[in-house]
Amino acid sequence: MMKLASLGELYEAKEDIQDIRTRYPDVYAILNHVVSFTRQLQIKYGYMGALLMEEELDACRPEFIKGSILSVYQREVNQLKNHEDFPVVQEFLNKHREVGDAKLFLLILGAKPELLRGSTIMK
């Protein structure tokens, strides 16, 4: 069973996002772009998280996206992964693993922690 993120955990993640945004603006801009691109392509955030953390992709691979579109998407993700400050992003994702990819990425897009607390709809 998946643990629901507390409001405190969500606010802590939001503070860490702001810290990355302030201290590492270049990698943050690419991260924000990739998260927004993921949303626009309607790709599950879990797939993006698995790509970034180099985890098993089979369970979350998008089924209905053409290979050509997916290769463009993966190129954008690789731009983030190849950035010199990418380890900061990985550290953030590892630190807040319990919050979940969807909620972390929605926080990056500007969602308020209060709206994400307890919500389990997004993947």
PDB file of N, CA and C in Angstrom:
ATOM      1  N   MET A   1       0.843  -1.200   0.000  1.00  0.00           N
ATOM      2  CA  MET A   1       0.000   0.000   0.000  1.00  0.00           C
ATOM      3  C   MET A   1       0.877   1.249   0.000  1.00  0.00           C
ATOM      4  N   MET A   2       0.504   2.201  -0.840  1.00  0.00           N
ATOM      5  CA  MET A   2       1.281   3.426  -0.943  1.00  0.00           C
ATOM      6  C   MET A   2       0.924   4.387   0.179  1.00  0.00           C
ATOM      7  N   LYS A   3       1.954   4.965   0.798  1.00  0.00           N
ATOM      8  CA  LYS A   3       1.775   5.920   1.879  1.00  0.00           C
ATOM      9  C   LYS A   3       1.337   7.258   1.292  1.00  0.00           C
ATOM     10  N   LEU A   4       0.395   7.914   1.927  1.00  0.00           N
ATOM     11  CA  LEU A   4      -0.041   9.237   1.485  1.00  0.00           C
ATOM     12  C   LEU A   4       0.910  10.284   2.043  1.00  0.00           C
ATOM     13  N   ALA A   5       1.295  11.219   1.215  1.00  0.00           N
ATOM     14  CA  ALA A   5       2.208  12.277   1.637  1.00  0.00           C
ATOM     15  C   ALA A   5       1.491  13.241   2.573  1.00  0.00           C
ATOM     16  N   SER A   6       2.176  13.605   3.645  1.00  0.00           N
ATOM     17  CA  SER A   6       1.609  14.579   4.579  1.00  0.00           C
ATOM     18  C   SER A   6       1.821  15.986   4.026  1.00  0.00           C
ATOM     19  N   LEU A   7       1.085  16.907   4.561  1.00  0.00           N
ATOM     20  CA  LEU A   7       1.217  18.298   4.144  1.00  0.00           C
ATOM     21  C   LEU A   7       2.630  18.794   4.433  1.00  0.00           C
ATOM     22  N   GLY A   8       3.193  18.385   5.563  1.00  0.00           N
ATOM     23  CA  GLY A   8       4.562  18.772   5.912  1.00  0.00           C
ATOM     24  C   GLY A   8       5.571  18.264   4.894  1.00  0.00           C
ATOM     25  N   GLU A   9       5.409  17.022   4.434  1.00  0.00           N
ATOM     26  CA  GLU A   9       6.309  16.459   3.421  1.00  0.00           C
ATOM     27  C   GLU A   9       6.194  17.221   2.103  1.00  0.00           C
ATOM     28  N   LEU A  10       4.971  17.596   1.760  1.00  0.00           N
ATOM     29  CA  LEU A  10       4.758  18.348   0.526  1.00  0.00           C
ATOM     30  C   LEU A  10       5.386  19.744   0.602  1.00  0.00           C
ATOM     31  N   TYR A  11       5.253  20.398   1.757  1.00  0.00           N
ATOM     32  CA  TYR A  11       5.864  21.718   1.928  1.00  0.00           C
ATOM     33  C   TYR A  11       7.387  21.617   1.927  1.00  0.00           C
ATOM     34  N   GLU A  12       7.935  20.575   2.521  1.00  0.00           N
ATOM     35  CA  GLU A  12       9.386  20.373   2.512  1.00  0.00           C
ATOM     36  C   GLU A  12       9.887  20.183   1.079  1.00  0.00           C
ATOM     37  N   ALA A  13       9.154  19.387   0.298  1.00  0.00           N
ATOM     38  CA  ALA A  13       9.521  19.181  -1.107  1.00  0.00           C
ATOM     39  C   ALA A  13       9.434  20.500  -1.867  1.00  0.00           C
ATOM     40  N   LYS A  14       8.399  21.288  -1.606  1.00  0.00           N
ATOM     41  CA  LYS A  14       8.230  22.580  -2.279  1.00  0.00           C
ATOM     42  C   LYS A  14       9.395  23.522  -1.944  1.00  0.00           C
ATOM     43  N   GLU A  15       9.844  23.504  -0.689  1.00  0.00           N
ATOM     44  CA  GLU A  15      10.994  24.328  -0.299  1.00  0.00           C
ATOM     45  C   GLU A  15      12.255  23.874  -1.026  1.00  0.00           C
ATOM     46  N   ASP A  16      12.439  22.571  -1.160  1.00  0.00           N
ATOM     47  CA  ASP A  16      13.606  22.051  -1.870  1.00  0.00           C
ATOM     48  C   ASP A  16      13.555  22.414  -3.351  1.00  0.00           C
ATOM     49  N   ILE A  17      12.361  22.424  -3.930  1.00  0.00           N
ATOM     50  CA  ILE A  17      12.207  22.847  -5.326  1.00  0.00           C
ATOM     51  C   ILE A  17      12.623  24.309  -5.464  1.00  0.00           C
ATOM     52  N   GLN A  18      12.178  25.131  -4.532  1.00  0.00           N
ATOM     53  CA  GLN A  18      12.534  26.555  -4.570  1.00  0.00           C
ATOM     54  C   GLN A  18      14.043  26.733  -4.415  1.00  0.00           C
ATOM     55  N   ASP A  19      14.659  25.897  -3.594  1.00  0.00           N
ATOM     56  CA  ASP A  19      16.103  25.952  -3.404  1.00  0.00           C
ATOM     57  C   ASP A  19      16.830  25.609  -4.717  1.00  0.00           C
ATOM     58  N   ILE A  20      16.367  24.569  -5.390  1.00  0.00           N
ATOM     59  CA  ILE A  20      16.963  24.197  -6.681  1.00  0.00           C
ATOM     60  C   ILE A  20      16.763  25.331  -7.681  1.00  0.00           C
ATOM     61  N   ARG A  21      15.580  25.887  -7.689  1.00  0.00           N
ATOM     62  CA  ARG A  21      15.257  26.985  -8.616  1.00  0.00           C
ATOM     63  C   ARG A  21      16.191  28.176  -8.409  1.00  0.00           C
ATOM     64  N   THR A  22      16.509  28.461  -7.144  1.00  0.00           N
ATOM     65  CA  THR A  22      17.363  29.599  -6.806  1.00  0.00           C
ATOM     66  C   THR A  22      18.846  29.299  -7.040  1.00  0.00           C
ATOM     67  N   ARG A  23      19.298  28.159  -6.571  1.00  0.00           N
ATOM     68  CA  ARG A  23      20.724  27.825  -6.609  1.00  0.00           C
ATOM     69  C   ARG A  23      21.193  27.235  -7.936  1.00  0.00           C
ATOM     70  N   TYR A  24      20.273  26.582  -8.651  1.00  0.00           N
ATOM     71  CA  TYR A  24      20.627  25.908  -9.912  1.00  0.00           C
ATOM     72  C   TYR A  24      19.599  26.270 -10.997  1.00  0.00           C
ATOM     73  N   PRO A  25      19.521  27.541 -11.367  1.00  0.00           N
ATOM     74  CA  PRO A  25      18.452  27.976 -12.278  1.00  0.00           C
ATOM     75  C   PRO A  25      18.483  27.292 -13.644  1.00  0.00           C
ATOM     76  N   ASP A  26      19.663  26.967 -14.145  1.00  0.00           N
ATOM     77  CA  ASP A  26      19.744  26.339 -15.467  1.00  0.00           C
ATOM     78  C   ASP A  26      19.116  24.955 -15.468  1.00  0.00           C
ATOM     79  N   VAL A  27      19.503  24.117 -14.516  1.00  0.00           N
ATOM     80  CA  VAL A  27      18.947  22.762 -14.474  1.00  0.00           C
ATOM     81  C   VAL A  27      17.470  22.812 -14.098  1.00  0.00           C
ATOM     82  N   TYR A  28      17.078  23.788 -13.258  1.00  0.00           N
ATOM     83  CA  TYR A  28      15.666  23.924 -12.907  1.00  0.00           C
ATOM     84  C   TYR A  28      14.834  24.263 -14.143  1.00  0.00           C
ATOM     85  N   ALA A  29      15.337  25.145 -14.995  1.00  0.00           N
ATOM     86  CA  ALA A  29      14.593  25.525 -16.199  1.00  0.00           C
ATOM     87  C   ALA A  29      14.373  24.315 -17.103  1.00  0.00           C
ATOM     88  N   ILE A  30      15.391  23.490 -17.238  1.00  0.00           N
ATOM     89  CA  ILE A  30      15.245  22.288 -18.066  1.00  0.00           C
ATOM     90  C   ILE A  30      14.280  21.310 -17.402  1.00  0.00           C
ATOM     91  N   LEU A  31      14.399  21.139 -16.093  1.00  0.00           N
ATOM     92  CA  LEU A  31      13.485  20.260 -15.356  1.00  0.00           C
ATOM     93  C   LEU A  31      12.043  20.716 -15.532  1.00  0.00           C
ATOM     94  N   ASN A  32      11.801  22.006 -15.368  1.00  0.00           N
ATOM     95  CA  ASN A  32      10.450  22.541 -15.515  1.00  0.00           C
ATOM     96  C   ASN A  32       9.940  22.307 -16.931  1.00  0.00           C
ATOM     97  N   HIS A  33      10.795  22.499 -17.918  1.00  0.00           N
ATOM     98  CA  HIS A  33      10.425  22.254 -19.314  1.00  0.00           C
ATOM     99  C   HIS A  33      10.031  20.793 -19.523  1.00  0.00           C
ATOM    100  N   VAL A  34      10.845  19.877 -19.013  1.00  0.00           N
ATOM    101  CA  VAL A  34      10.584  18.448 -19.213  1.00  0.00           C
ATOM    102  C   VAL A  34       9.300  18.028 -18.492  1.00  0.00           C
ATOM    103  N   VAL A  35       9.069  18.554 -17.300  1.00  0.00           N
ATOM    104  CA  VAL A  35       7.836  18.228 -16.576  1.00  0.00           C
ATOM    105  C   VAL A  35       6.628  18.754 -17.352  1.00  0.00           C
ATOM    106  N   SER A  36       6.723  19.964 -17.849  1.00  0.00           N
ATOM    107  CA  SER A  36       5.631  20.543 -18.634  1.00  0.00           C
ATOM    108  C   SER A  36       5.406  19.749 -19.921  1.00  0.00           C
ATOM    109  N   PHE A  37       6.475  19.355 -20.574  1.00  0.00           N
ATOM    110  CA  PHE A  37       6.401  18.556 -21.803  1.00  0.00           C
ATOM    111  C   PHE A  37       5.737  17.209 -21.515  1.00  0.00           C
ATOM    112  N   THR A  38       6.086  16.620 -20.380  1.00  0.00           N
ATOM    113  CA  THR A  38       5.489  15.347 -19.965  1.00  0.00           C
ATOM    114  C   THR A  38       3.982  15.505 -19.823  1.00  0.00           C
ATOM    115  N   ARG A  39       3.572  16.563 -19.186  1.00  0.00           N
ATOM    116  CA  ARG A  39       2.141  16.823 -18.993  1.00  0.00           C
ATOM    117  C   ARG A  39       1.431  17.053 -20.332  1.00  0.00           C
ATOM    118  N   GLN A  40       2.050  17.832 -21.196  1.00  0.00           N
ATOM    119  CA  GLN A  40       1.426  18.143 -22.485  1.00  0.00           C
ATOM    120  C   GLN A  40       1.288  16.917 -23.373  1.00  0.00           C
ATOM    121  N   LEU A  41       2.247  15.999 -23.278  1.00  0.00           N
ATOM    122  CA  LEU A  41       2.167  14.764 -24.060  1.00  0.00           C
ATOM    123  C   LEU A  41       1.288  13.710 -23.379  1.00  0.00           C
ATOM    124  N   GLN A  42       0.809  14.025 -22.175  1.00  0.00           N
ATOM    125  CA  GLN A  42      -0.024  13.124 -21.379  1.00  0.00           C
ATOM    126  C   GLN A  42       0.692  11.805 -21.096  1.00  0.00           C
ATOM    127  N   ILE A  43       1.982  11.926 -20.814  1.00  0.00           N
ATOM    128  CA  ILE A  43       2.787  10.781 -20.398  1.00  0.00           C
ATOM    129  C   ILE A  43       2.733  10.730 -18.878  1.00  0.00           C
ATOM    130  N   LYS A  44       2.625   9.556 -18.322  1.00  0.00           N
ATOM    131  CA  LYS A  44       2.555   9.424 -16.872  1.00  0.00           C
ATOM    132  C   LYS A  44       3.858   9.894 -16.236  1.00  0.00           C
ATOM    133  N   TYR A  45       3.712  10.595 -15.127  1.00  0.00           N
ATOM    134  CA  TYR A  45       4.877  11.106 -14.420  1.00  0.00           C
ATOM    135  C   TYR A  45       5.781   9.969 -13.933  1.00  0.00           C
ATOM    136  N   GLY A  46       5.197   8.827 -13.678  1.00  0.00           N
ATOM    137  CA  GLY A  46       5.995   7.677 -13.253  1.00  0.00           C
ATOM    138  C   GLY A  46       7.003   7.262 -14.309  1.00  0.00           C
ATOM    139  N   TYR A  47       6.646   7.419 -15.576  1.00  0.00           N
ATOM    140  CA  TYR A  47       7.571   7.095 -16.666  1.00  0.00           C
ATOM    141  C   TYR A  47       8.740   8.078 -16.659  1.00  0.00           C
ATOM    142  N   MET A  48       8.425   9.349 -16.492  1.00  0.00           N
ATOM    143  CA  MET A  48       9.488  10.352 -16.431  1.00  0.00           C
ATOM    144  C   MET A  48      10.402  10.079 -15.244  1.00  0.00           C
ATOM    145  N   GLY A  49       9.807   9.785 -14.094  1.00  0.00           N
ATOM    146  CA  GLY A  49      10.606   9.477 -12.909  1.00  0.00           C
ATOM    147  C   GLY A  49      11.508   8.273 -13.132  1.00  0.00           C
ATOM    148  N   ALA A  50      10.973   7.240 -13.774  1.00  0.00           N
ATOM    149  CA  ALA A  50      11.769   6.039 -14.048  1.00  0.00           C
ATOM    150  C   ALA A  50      12.909   6.356 -15.019  1.00  0.00           C
ATOM    151  N   LEU A  51      12.653   7.190 -16.012  1.00  0.00           N
ATOM    152  CA  LEU A  51      13.720   7.594 -16.936  1.00  0.00           C
ATOM    153  C   LEU A  51      14.821   8.362 -16.201  1.00  0.00           C
ATOM    154  N   LEU A  52      14.412   9.280 -15.348  1.00  0.00           N
ATOM    155  CA  LEU A  52      15.388  10.106 -14.644  1.00  0.00           C
ATOM    156  C   LEU A  52      16.214   9.303 -13.647  1.00  0.00           C
ATOM    157  N   MET A  53      15.588   8.326 -13.025  1.00  0.00           N
ATOM    158  CA  MET A  53      16.283   7.548 -11.996  1.00  0.00           C
ATOM    159  C   MET A  53      16.845   6.235 -12.547  1.00  0.00           C
ATOM    160  N   GLU A  54      16.723   6.052 -13.867  1.00  0.00           N
ATOM    161  CA  GLU A  54      17.222   4.856 -14.544  1.00  0.00           C
ATOM    162  C   GLU A  54      16.685   3.571 -13.910  1.00  0.00           C
ATOM    163  N   GLU A  55      15.372   3.553 -13.737  1.00  0.00           N
ATOM    164  CA  GLU A  55      14.665   2.401 -13.182  1.00  0.00           C
ATOM    165  C   GLU A  55      14.005   1.613 -14.310  1.00  0.00           C
ATOM    166  N   GLU A  56      13.421   0.487 -13.974  1.00  0.00           N
ATOM    167  CA  GLU A  56      12.738  -0.371 -14.941  1.00  0.00           C
ATOM    168  C   GLU A  56      11.589   0.404 -15.600  1.00  0.00           C
ATOM    169  N   LEU A  57      11.558   0.378 -16.932  1.00  0.00           N
ATOM    170  CA  LEU A  57      10.566   1.163 -17.675  1.00  0.00           C
ATOM    171  C   LEU A  57       9.368   0.345 -18.153  1.00  0.00           C
ATOM    172  N   ASP A  58       9.478  -0.967 -18.188  1.00  0.00           N
ATOM    173  CA  ASP A  58       8.426  -1.791 -18.781  1.00  0.00           C
ATOM    174  C   ASP A  58       7.045  -1.551 -18.182  1.00  0.00           C
ATOM    175  N   ALA A  59       6.969  -1.411 -16.878  1.00  0.00           N
ATOM    176  CA  ALA A  59       5.669  -1.275 -16.209  1.00  0.00           C
ATOM    177  C   ALA A  59       4.985   0.053 -16.503  1.00  0.00           C
ATOM    178  N   CYS A  60       5.760   1.080 -16.845  1.00  0.00           N
ATOM    179  CA  CYS A  60       5.156   2.404 -17.025  1.00  0.00           C
ATOM    180  C   CYS A  60       5.357   2.976 -18.423  1.00  0.00           C
ATOM    181  N   ARG A  61       5.821   2.187 -19.349  1.00  0.00           N
ATOM    182  CA  ARG A  61       6.062   2.653 -20.730  1.00  0.00           C
ATOM    183  C   ARG A  61       4.734   3.084 -21.369  1.00  0.00           C
ATOM    184  N   PRO A  62       4.713   4.274 -21.985  1.00  0.00           N
ATOM    185  CA  PRO A  62       3.486   4.736 -22.652  1.00  0.00           C
ATOM    186  C   PRO A  62       3.103   3.793 -23.795  1.00  0.00           C
ATOM    187  N   GLU A  63       1.865   3.351 -23.799  1.00  0.00           N
ATOM    188  CA  GLU A  63       1.412   2.376 -24.790  1.00  0.00           C
ATOM    189  C   GLU A  63       0.952   3.007 -26.094  1.00  0.00           C
ATOM    190  N   PHE A  64       0.383   4.182 -26.038  1.00  0.00           N
ATOM    191  CA  PHE A  64      -0.286   4.748 -27.200  1.00  0.00           C
ATOM    192  C   PHE A  64       0.433   5.954 -27.801  1.00  0.00           C
ATOM    193  N   ILE A  65       1.738   6.031 -27.584  1.00  0.00           N
ATOM    194  CA  ILE A  65       2.513   7.127 -28.146  1.00  0.00           C
ATOM    195  C   ILE A  65       3.454   6.560 -29.204  1.00  0.00           C
ATOM    196  N   LYS A  66       3.443   7.171 -30.376  1.00  0.00           N
ATOM    197  CA  LYS A  66       4.297   6.709 -31.468  1.00  0.00           C
ATOM    198  C   LYS A  66       5.763   6.763 -31.054  1.00  0.00           C
ATOM    199  N   GLY A  67       6.529   5.833 -31.590  1.00  0.00           N
ATOM    200  CA  GLY A  67       7.954   5.779 -31.295  1.00  0.00           C
ATOM    201  C   GLY A  67       8.682   7.055 -31.628  1.00  0.00           C
ATOM    202  N   SER A  68       8.285   7.712 -32.719  1.00  0.00           N
ATOM    203  CA  SER A  68       8.951   8.960 -33.123  1.00  0.00           C
ATOM    204  C   SER A  68       8.717  10.070 -32.086  1.00  0.00           C
ATOM    205  N   ILE A  69       7.512  10.129 -31.544  1.00  0.00           N
ATOM    206  CA  ILE A  69       7.195  11.124 -30.508  1.00  0.00           C
ATOM    207  C   ILE A  69       7.950  10.789 -29.227  1.00  0.00           C
ATOM    208  N   LEU A  70       7.973   9.516 -28.882  1.00  0.00           N
ATOM    209  CA  LEU A  70       8.668   9.074 -27.674  1.00  0.00           C
ATOM    210  C   LEU A  70      10.168   9.359 -27.776  1.00  0.00           C
ATOM    211  N   SER A  71      10.735   9.242 -28.960  1.00  0.00           N
ATOM    212  CA  SER A  71      12.171   9.526 -29.106  1.00  0.00           C
ATOM    213  C   SER A  71      12.449  11.019 -28.921  1.00  0.00           C
ATOM    214  N   VAL A  72      11.546  11.881 -29.383  1.00  0.00           N
ATOM    215  CA  VAL A  72      11.686  13.324 -29.143  1.00  0.00           C
ATOM    216  C   VAL A  72      11.608  13.586 -27.635  1.00  0.00           C
ATOM    217  N   TYR A  73      10.663  12.951 -26.974  1.00  0.00           N
ATOM    218  CA  TYR A  73      10.508  13.112 -25.529  1.00  0.00           C
ATOM    219  C   TYR A  73      11.772  12.648 -24.795  1.00  0.00           C
ATOM    220  N   GLN A  74      12.278  11.487 -25.161  1.00  0.00           N
ATOM    221  CA  GLN A  74      13.467  10.954 -24.497  1.00  0.00           C
ATOM    222  C   GLN A  74      14.683  11.849 -24.736  1.00  0.00           C
ATOM    223  N   ARG A  75      14.748  12.488 -25.891  1.00  0.00           N
ATOM    224  CA  ARG A  75      15.840  13.429 -26.167  1.00  0.00           C
ATOM    225  C   ARG A  75      15.771  14.610 -25.196  1.00  0.00           C
ATOM    226  N   GLU A  76      14.557  15.099 -24.926  1.00  0.00           N
ATOM    227  CA  GLU A  76      14.384  16.203 -23.972  1.00  0.00           C
ATOM    228  C   GLU A  76      14.783  15.769 -22.561  1.00  0.00           C
ATOM    229  N   VAL A  77      14.377  14.569 -22.168  1.00  0.00           N
ATOM    230  CA  VAL A  77      14.746  14.038 -20.852  1.00  0.00           C
ATOM    231  C   VAL A  77      16.264  13.884 -20.760  1.00  0.00           C
ATOM    232  N   ASN A  78      16.882  13.413 -21.826  1.00  0.00           N
ATOM    233  CA  ASN A  78      18.337  13.241 -21.820  1.00  0.00           C
ATOM    234  C   ASN A  78      19.072  14.565 -21.716  1.00  0.00           C
ATOM    235  N   GLN A  79      18.487  15.626 -22.252  1.00  0.00           N
ATOM    236  CA  GLN A  79      19.084  16.951 -22.097  1.00  0.00           C
ATOM    237  C   GLN A  79      19.188  17.293 -20.604  1.00  0.00           C
ATOM    238  N   LEU A  80      18.160  16.968 -19.853  1.00  0.00           N
ATOM    239  CA  LEU A  80      18.176  17.182 -18.406  1.00  0.00           C
ATOM    240  C   LEU A  80      19.199  16.264 -17.748  1.00  0.00           C
ATOM    241  N   LYS A  81      19.176  14.993 -18.104  1.00  0.00           N
ATOM    242  CA  LYS A  81      20.082  14.025 -17.481  1.00  0.00           C
ATOM    243  C   LYS A  81      21.549  14.334 -17.771  1.00  0.00           C
ATOM    244  N   ASN A  82      21.831  14.980 -18.892  1.00  0.00           N
ATOM    245  CA  ASN A  82      23.211  15.290 -19.260  1.00  0.00           C
ATOM    246  C   ASN A  82      23.714  16.615 -18.690  1.00  0.00           C
ATOM    247  N   HIS A  83      22.836  17.342 -18.013  1.00  0.00           N
ATOM    248  CA  HIS A  83      23.244  18.623 -17.429  1.00  0.00           C
ATOM    249  C   HIS A  83      24.180  18.362 -16.254  1.00  0.00           C
ATOM    250  N   GLU A  84      25.184  19.217 -16.091  1.00  0.00           N
ATOM    251  CA  GLU A  84      26.173  19.017 -15.033  1.00  0.00           C
ATOM    252  C   GLU A  84      25.564  19.038 -13.630  1.00  0.00           C
ATOM    253  N   ASP A  85      24.446  19.720 -13.444  1.00  0.00           N
ATOM    254  CA  ASP A  85      23.810  19.796 -12.128  1.00  0.00           C
ATOM    255  C   ASP A  85      22.687  18.770 -11.951  1.00  0.00           C
ATOM    256  N   PHE A  86      22.560  17.832 -12.876  1.00  0.00           N
ATOM    257  CA  PHE A  86      21.509  16.825 -12.768  1.00  0.00           C
ATOM    258  C   PHE A  86      21.560  16.025 -11.461  1.00  0.00           C
ATOM    259  N   PRO A  87      22.748  15.747 -10.891  1.00  0.00           N
ATOM    260  CA  PRO A  87      22.759  15.028  -9.604  1.00  0.00           C
ATOM    261  C   PRO A  87      21.928  15.712  -8.511  1.00  0.00           C
ATOM    262  N   VAL A  88      21.773  17.024  -8.599  1.00  0.00           N
ATOM    263  CA  VAL A  88      20.926  17.755  -7.635  1.00  0.00           C
ATOM    264  C   VAL A  88      19.469  17.305  -7.796  1.00  0.00           C
ATOM    265  N   VAL A  89      19.030  17.121  -9.022  1.00  0.00           N
ATOM    266  CA  VAL A  89      17.665  16.672  -9.306  1.00  0.00           C
ATOM    267  C   VAL A  89      17.483  15.241  -8.790  1.00  0.00           C
ATOM    268  N   GLN A  90      18.457  14.374  -9.058  1.00  0.00           N
ATOM    269  CA  GLN A  90      18.368  12.992  -8.575  1.00  0.00           C
ATOM    270  C   GLN A  90      18.315  12.939  -7.051  1.00  0.00           C
ATOM    271  N   GLU A  91      19.124  13.766  -6.416  1.00  0.00           N
ATOM    272  CA  GLU A  91      19.127  13.816  -4.947  1.00  0.00           C
ATOM    273  C   GLU A  91      17.757  14.243  -4.425  1.00  0.00           C
ATOM    274  N   PHE A  92      17.162  15.240  -5.070  1.00  0.00           N
ATOM    275  CA  PHE A  92      15.825  15.715  -4.704  1.00  0.00           C
ATOM    276  C   PHE A  92      14.796  14.584  -4.850  1.00  0.00           C
ATOM    277  N   LEU A  93      14.827  13.891  -5.978  1.00  0.00           N
ATOM    278  CA  LEU A  93      13.863  12.805  -6.210  1.00  0.00           C
ATOM    279  C   LEU A  93      14.051  11.667  -5.215  1.00  0.00           C
ATOM    280  N   ASN A  94      15.285  11.345  -4.896  1.00  0.00           N
ATOM    281  CA  ASN A  94      15.544  10.299  -3.901  1.00  0.00           C
ATOM    282  C   ASN A  94      15.073  10.727  -2.513  1.00  0.00           C
ATOM    283  N   LYS A  95      15.361  11.956  -2.151  1.00  0.00           N
ATOM    284  CA  LYS A  95      14.994  12.468  -0.823  1.00  0.00           C
ATOM    285  C   LYS A  95      13.479  12.433  -0.610  1.00  0.00           C
ATOM    286  N   HIS A  96      12.733  12.715  -1.662  1.00  0.00           N
ATOM    287  CA  HIS A  96      11.281  12.829  -1.548  1.00  0.00           C
ATOM    288  C   HIS A  96      10.554  11.660  -2.220  1.00  0.00           C
ATOM    289  N   ARG A  97      11.192  10.530  -2.296  1.00  0.00           N
ATOM    290  CA  ARG A  97      10.644   9.327  -2.935  1.00  0.00           C
ATOM    291  C   ARG A  97       9.257   8.988  -2.373  1.00  0.00           C
ATOM    292  N   GLU A  98       9.059   9.172  -1.085  1.00  0.00           N
ATOM    293  CA  GLU A  98       7.785   8.836  -0.438  1.00  0.00           C
ATOM    294  C   GLU A  98       6.631   9.728  -0.912  1.00  0.00           C
ATOM    295  N   VAL A  99       6.943  10.924  -1.359  1.00  0.00           N
ATOM    296  CA  VAL A  99       5.898  11.844  -1.832  1.00  0.00           C
ATOM    297  C   VAL A  99       5.315  11.332  -3.144  1.00  0.00           C
ATOM    298  N   GLY A 100       6.181  10.788  -3.996  1.00  0.00           N
ATOM    299  CA  GLY A 100       5.727  10.239  -5.273  1.00  0.00           C
ATOM    300  C   GLY A 100       6.023  11.166  -6.435  1.00  0.00           C
ATOM    301  N   ASP A 101       6.321  10.557  -7.579  1.00  0.00           N
ATOM    302  CA  ASP A 101       6.683  11.326  -8.770  1.00  0.00           C
ATOM    303  C   ASP A 101       5.607  12.325  -9.175  1.00  0.00           C
ATOM    304  N   ALA A 102       4.375  11.890  -9.245  1.00  0.00           N
ATOM    305  CA  ALA A 102       3.305  12.771  -9.727  1.00  0.00           C
ATOM    306  C   ALA A 102       3.204  14.033  -8.879  1.00  0.00           C
ATOM    307  N   LYS A 103       3.206  13.873  -7.579  1.00  0.00           N
ATOM    308  CA  LYS A 103       3.060  15.037  -6.701  1.00  0.00           C
ATOM    309  C   LYS A 103       4.283  15.942  -6.773  1.00  0.00           C
ATOM    310  N   LEU A 104       5.476  15.346  -6.843  1.00  0.00           N
ATOM    311  CA  LEU A 104       6.685  16.167  -6.952  1.00  0.00           C
ATOM    312  C   LEU A 104       6.674  16.984  -8.234  1.00  0.00           C
ATOM    313  N   PHE A 105       6.314  16.336  -9.339  1.00  0.00           N
ATOM    314  CA  PHE A 105       6.326  17.039 -10.617  1.00  0.00           C
ATOM    315  C   PHE A 105       5.212  18.085 -10.694  1.00  0.00           C
ATOM    316  N   LEU A 106       4.086  17.817 -10.058  1.00  0.00           N
ATOM    317  CA  LEU A 106       3.018  18.826 -10.009  1.00  0.00           C
ATOM    318  C   LEU A 106       3.429  20.020  -9.156  1.00  0.00           C
ATOM    319  N   LEU A 107       4.200  19.775  -8.091  1.00  0.00           N
ATOM    320  CA  LEU A 107       4.737  20.886  -7.296  1.00  0.00           C
ATOM    321  C   LEU A 107       5.666  21.746  -8.151  1.00  0.00           C
ATOM    322  N   ILE A 108       6.471  21.101  -8.993  1.00  0.00           N
ATOM    323  CA  ILE A 108       7.364  21.836  -9.876  1.00  0.00           C
ATOM    324  C   ILE A 108       6.563  22.722 -10.825  1.00  0.00           C
ATOM    325  N   LEU A 109       5.408  22.238 -11.248  1.00  0.00           N
ATOM    326  CA  LEU A 109       4.545  23.033 -12.138  1.00  0.00           C
ATOM    327  C   LEU A 109       3.763  24.115 -11.402  1.00  0.00           C
ATOM    328  N   GLY A 110       3.886  24.151 -10.074  1.00  0.00           N
ATOM    329  CA  GLY A 110       3.247  25.215  -9.307  1.00  0.00           C
ATOM    330  C   GLY A 110       2.019  24.825  -8.516  1.00  0.00           C
ATOM    331  N   ALA A 111       1.710  23.539  -8.450  1.00  0.00           N
ATOM    332  CA  ALA A 111       0.550  23.108  -7.661  1.00  0.00           C
ATOM    333  C   ALA A 111       0.777  23.421  -6.180  1.00  0.00           C
ATOM    334  N   LYS A 112      -0.284  23.752  -5.502  1.00  0.00           N
ATOM    335  CA  LYS A 112      -0.215  24.042  -4.068  1.00  0.00           C
ATOM    336  C   LYS A 112      -0.230  22.726  -3.285  1.00  0.00           C
ATOM    337  N   PRO A 113       0.628  22.625  -2.266  1.00  0.00           N
ATOM    338  CA  PRO A 113       0.668  21.399  -1.456  1.00  0.00           C
ATOM    339  C   PRO A 113      -0.691  20.986  -0.898  1.00  0.00           C
ATOM    340  N   GLU A 114      -1.527  21.961  -0.523  1.00  0.00           N
ATOM    341  CA  GLU A 114      -2.841  21.643   0.041  1.00  0.00           C
ATOM    342  C   GLU A 114      -3.713  20.874  -0.948  1.00  0.00           C
ATOM    343  N   LEU A 115      -3.542  21.153  -2.220  1.00  0.00           N
ATOM    344  CA  LEU A 115      -4.346  20.480  -3.243  1.00  0.00           C
ATOM    345  C   LEU A 115      -3.859  19.070  -3.523  1.00  0.00           C
ATOM    346  N   LEU A 116      -2.611  18.775  -3.162  1.00  0.00           N
ATOM    347  CA  LEU A 116      -2.035  17.466  -3.450  1.00  0.00           C
ATOM    348  C   LEU A 116      -2.088  16.504  -2.265  1.00  0.00           C
ATOM    349  N   ARG A 117      -2.312  17.035  -1.082  1.00  0.00           N
ATOM    350  CA  ARG A 117      -2.318  16.190   0.115  1.00  0.00           C
ATOM    351  C   ARG A 117      -3.407  15.141   0.018  1.00  0.00           C
ATOM    352  N   GLY A 118      -2.984  13.903   0.117  1.00  0.00           N
ATOM    353  CA  GLY A 118      -3.936  12.797   0.134  1.00  0.00           C
ATOM    354  C   GLY A 118      -4.476  12.403  -1.221  1.00  0.00           C
ATOM    355  N   SER A 119      -4.216  13.212  -2.235  1.00  0.00           N
ATOM    356  CA  SER A 119      -4.733  12.904  -3.562  1.00  0.00           C
ATOM    357  C   SER A 119      -3.986  11.733  -4.172  1.00  0.00           C
ATOM    358  N   THR A 120      -4.722  10.772  -4.715  1.00  0.00           N
ATOM    359  CA  THR A 120      -4.085   9.607  -5.328  1.00  0.00           C
ATOM    360  C   THR A 120      -4.525   9.411  -6.776  1.00  0.00           C
ATOM    361  N   ILE A 121      -5.144  10.410  -7.351  1.00  0.00           N
ATOM    362  CA  ILE A 121      -5.693  10.292  -8.699  1.00  0.00           C
ATOM    363  C   ILE A 121      -4.591  10.312  -9.759  1.00  0.00           C
ATOM    364  N   MET A 122      -3.600  11.195  -9.596  1.00  0.00           N
ATOM    365  CA  MET A 122      -2.590  11.391 -10.629  1.00  0.00           C
ATOM    366  C   MET A 122      -1.527  10.310 -10.599  1.00  0.00           C
ATOM    367  N   LYS A 123      -1.044   9.934 -11.789  1.00  0.00           N
ATOM    368  CA  LYS A 123       0.055   8.973 -11.876  1.00  0.00           C
ATOM    369  C   LYS A 123       1.136   9.623 -12.642  1.00  0.00           C
TER     370      LYS A 123
END
